[in-house]
Amino acid sequence: MPSGAGCEDGCETGRVNDRYAPEDHLGERTSLIAAAYVVLRRGDEVLLQQRAGTGYRDGYWAVLAGHVDRRESAHEAAVREAHEEAGVTIDPAALRPLTTLHRFERGGPAVEQRVDFFFEATRWSDEPSLREADKASAMRWFPLDALPDPVVPHELDLLNLLRAGTAVPAVISLPL
C-alpha cells in the first residue's frame, strides 16, 4: 500500500477495520487523540506560527498542525491542516514521515493520551500565509539555528533534532 493510502472498507489482503467487542476498549485501555504536524522546510528555515486564541500554549510558536478528523488518515489531516492554516497545497506523496510522538500522562484523563504524527514537506504550491487569524497572530520563516522563544516544547524537541542533524527516532514516548 503506498504511503498515505488507506483502506476505507478493507484491503485486498484482508479487512483492517473489523470491529472489536465493546469490552475490549474498557477499563485500563486508552483512547488516543491523534494529531498531524507539518514541518514546512525551506532550506535551513522552518515555517512557524504564533498561537493565539486557542487556549493551548497561546503566545508560543508552532509548526502547522491539527487533530486528525474522523474518517481521515494522518496524511490527509496533515495536507488539510497545511492548507487551512497556511494556504499551501501539499501532495501527500511529498510528506516525509519524521516521527510518531506518543505523549501521555500516566493514569491521566483520556484527553492527555495523544499520538502525534510529524511530517516534513519541502515541496508545496502557493505561498504560505496566515489563514487562521483566530488561532494564530503571526506566521514567519525562522532558521533552525535561530528559533523564536518560546516554541511549543514537544515541537521544539523535534526541531532541535533537525537542527543538529541528529537522526530522529521513528517513535518517541514522552510522559507529560
Protein backbone atom coordinates (compact mmCIF):
# COMPACT_ATOMS: atom_id res chain seq x y z
CA MET A 1 0.00 0.00 0.00
CA PRO A 2 1.53 3.41 -0.92
CA SER A 3 2.40 5.94 1.77
CA GLY A 4 -0.64 7.98 2.69
CA ALA A 5 -3.08 5.44 1.28
CA GLY A 6 -5.73 3.93 3.46
CA CYS A 7 -8.27 1.16 3.33
CA GLU A 8 -11.76 2.58 3.52
CA ASP A 9 -13.60 -0.76 3.64
CA GLY A 10 -10.72 -3.22 3.77
CA CYS A 11 -7.63 -4.14 1.80
CA GLU A 12 -7.08 -6.84 -0.76
CA THR A 13 -5.04 -8.72 1.83
CA GLY A 14 -7.77 -8.64 4.47
CA ARG A 15 -10.02 -6.36 6.45
CA VAL A 16 -8.41 -3.69 8.58
CA ASN A 17 -11.47 -2.15 10.20
CA ASP A 18 -13.22 -5.16 11.73
CA ARG A 19 -14.88 -4.16 14.96
CA TYR A 20 -13.65 -5.18 18.39
CA ALA A 21 -16.03 -6.30 21.07
CA PRO A 22 -17.00 -3.28 23.22
CA GLU A 23 -15.44 -4.82 26.34
CA ASP A 24 -12.05 -4.77 24.57
CA HIS A 25 -11.95 -0.98 24.98
CA LEU A 26 -13.00 -0.61 28.59
CA GLY A 27 -11.04 -0.44 31.79
CA GLU A 28 -7.36 0.43 31.59
CA ARG A 29 -7.06 0.85 27.83
CA THR A 30 -6.54 4.30 26.39
CA SER A 31 -8.25 6.11 23.57
CA LEU A 32 -5.55 8.15 21.83
CA ILE A 33 -6.20 11.60 20.44
CA ALA A 34 -4.37 11.87 17.11
CA ALA A 35 -2.83 14.98 15.56
CA ALA A 36 -0.85 15.58 12.38
CA TYR A 37 2.05 18.06 12.19
CA VAL A 38 3.77 19.52 9.12
CA VAL A 39 7.29 20.88 9.40
CA LEU A 40 7.38 23.07 6.29
CA ARG A 41 11.05 23.48 5.33
CA ARG A 42 12.70 25.98 3.02
CA GLY A 43 16.38 25.06 3.12
CA ASP A 44 17.50 25.53 6.72
CA GLU A 45 14.36 27.51 7.59
CA VAL A 46 11.10 26.31 9.10
CA LEU A 47 7.67 27.96 8.94
CA LEU A 48 6.20 28.71 12.36
CA GLN A 49 3.04 30.43 13.51
CA GLN A 50 2.41 32.11 16.84
CA ARG A 51 -0.57 30.52 18.60
CA ALA A 52 -3.36 32.85 19.78
CA GLY A 53 -6.92 32.34 20.98
CA THR A 54 -6.70 28.54 21.16
CA GLY A 55 -6.44 28.04 24.92
CA TYR A 56 -3.34 25.86 24.48
CA ARG A 57 0.11 27.44 24.60
CA ASP A 58 -1.11 30.78 23.27
CA GLY A 59 1.90 33.01 22.57
CA TYR A 60 4.09 30.02 21.69
CA TRP A 61 5.42 29.42 18.19
CA ALA A 62 4.38 26.19 16.50
CA VAL A 63 4.54 24.26 13.24
CA LEU A 64 1.41 23.65 11.18
CA ALA A 65 -0.73 21.09 12.97
CA GLY A 66 -4.17 19.91 13.94
CA HIS A 67 -6.26 16.99 15.03
CA VAL A 68 -6.94 14.06 12.76
CA ASP A 69 -10.65 14.11 12.00
CA ARG A 70 -12.85 11.04 11.87
CA ARG A 71 -12.65 9.26 8.53
CA GLU A 72 -9.28 10.78 7.52
CA SER A 73 -5.74 9.45 7.65
CA ALA A 74 -2.83 11.20 9.34
CA HIS A 75 -1.53 12.09 5.85
CA GLU A 76 -4.87 13.58 4.85
CA ALA A 77 -5.03 15.56 8.09
CA ALA A 78 -1.52 16.94 7.51
CA VAL A 79 -2.40 18.07 3.99
CA ARG A 80 -5.70 19.58 5.17
CA GLU A 81 -4.15 21.43 8.11
CA ALA A 82 -1.34 22.88 5.97
CA HIS A 83 -3.94 24.21 3.55
CA GLU A 84 -6.26 25.55 6.25
CA GLU A 85 -3.52 27.22 8.29
CA ALA A 86 -1.07 28.41 5.64
CA GLY A 87 -2.91 28.15 2.31
CA VAL A 88 -0.37 25.73 0.85
CA THR A 89 -1.19 22.63 -1.18
CA ILE A 90 0.95 19.58 -0.45
CA ASP A 91 0.84 16.33 -2.39
CA PRO A 92 0.56 13.55 0.22
CA ALA A 93 3.48 11.81 -1.54
CA ALA A 94 5.62 14.87 -0.68
CA LEU A 95 5.15 14.30 3.07
CA ARG A 96 8.23 12.68 4.59
CA PRO A 97 7.46 10.99 7.91
CA LEU A 98 9.73 12.32 10.68
CA THR A 99 8.47 10.57 13.81
CA THR A 100 5.45 9.48 15.77
CA LEU A 101 5.32 11.01 19.22
CA HIS A 102 3.30 9.35 21.98
CA ARG A 103 2.56 11.95 24.66
CA PHE A 104 0.81 10.66 27.74
CA GLU A 105 0.00 11.31 31.35
CA ARG A 106 0.33 8.11 33.35
CA GLY A 107 -3.09 7.38 34.78
CA GLY A 108 -4.33 10.71 33.45
CA PRO A 109 -7.55 11.55 31.65
CA ALA A 110 -8.23 10.30 28.11
CA VAL A 111 -7.63 13.80 26.70
CA GLU A 112 -4.00 13.55 27.83
CA GLN A 113 -3.27 10.38 25.87
CA ARG A 114 -2.02 11.57 22.48
CA VAL A 115 -0.28 10.36 19.34
CA ASP A 116 1.32 12.98 17.10
CA PHE A 117 2.36 12.21 13.53
CA PHE A 118 5.16 14.53 12.37
CA PHE A 119 5.83 15.03 8.67
CA GLU A 120 8.30 17.22 6.79
CA ALA A 121 7.47 18.90 3.49
CA THR A 122 9.96 20.64 1.23
CA ARG A 123 7.68 20.85 -1.81
CA TRP A 124 4.28 22.56 -1.99
CA SER A 125 2.36 25.00 -4.12
CA ASP A 126 1.24 28.53 -3.24
CA GLU A 127 2.98 30.98 -0.93
CA PRO A 128 2.39 30.31 2.79
CA SER A 129 0.35 32.96 4.56
CA LEU A 130 -1.56 33.21 7.83
CA ARG A 131 -5.07 31.90 7.13
CA GLU A 132 -6.49 31.38 10.62
CA ALA A 133 -6.12 34.73 12.37
CA ASP A 134 -8.44 33.48 15.12
CA LYS A 135 -5.89 30.77 16.04
CA ALA A 136 -2.56 32.45 15.26
CA SER A 137 -1.31 36.02 15.44
CA ALA A 138 1.77 35.73 13.18
CA MET A 139 3.47 33.41 10.71
CA ARG A 140 7.14 33.62 9.74
CA TRP A 141 10.12 31.66 8.48
CA PHE A 142 12.90 31.05 11.02
CA PRO A 143 16.33 29.50 10.59
CA LEU A 144 16.54 26.26 12.58
CA ASP A 145 19.54 27.71 14.44
CA ALA A 146 17.63 30.89 15.42
CA LEU A 147 14.20 29.75 16.56
CA PRO A 148 11.98 32.21 18.44
CA ASP A 149 11.17 31.86 22.12
CA PRO A 150 9.00 30.18 23.20
CA VAL A 151 8.27 27.22 20.89
CA VAL A 152 5.77 24.54 21.95
CA PRO A 153 8.06 22.20 23.96
CA HIS A 154 7.44 18.87 22.22
CA GLU A 155 7.77 20.57 18.83
CA LEU A 156 10.98 22.31 19.94
CA ASP A 157 12.46 18.92 20.85
CA LEU A 158 11.93 17.72 17.28
CA LEU A 159 13.16 20.97 15.70
CA ASN A 160 16.34 20.77 17.79
CA LEU A 161 16.98 17.25 16.48
CA LEU A 162 16.53 18.52 12.91
CA ARG A 163 18.83 21.50 13.58
CA ALA A 164 21.54 19.22 14.98
CA GLY A 165 21.22 16.81 12.05
CA THR A 166 20.60 14.07 14.59
CA ALA A 167 18.67 11.01 13.49
CA VAL A 168 15.09 11.31 14.63
CA PRO A 169 13.75 8.13 16.28
CA ALA A 170 10.84 6.53 14.44
CA VAL A 171 8.77 6.57 17.64
CA ILE A 172 9.23 8.74 20.73
CA SER A 173 7.34 8.26 24.01
CA LEU A 174 7.08 11.37 26.15
CA PRO A 175 5.34 11.26 29.53
CA LEU A 176 3.67 14.58 30.37
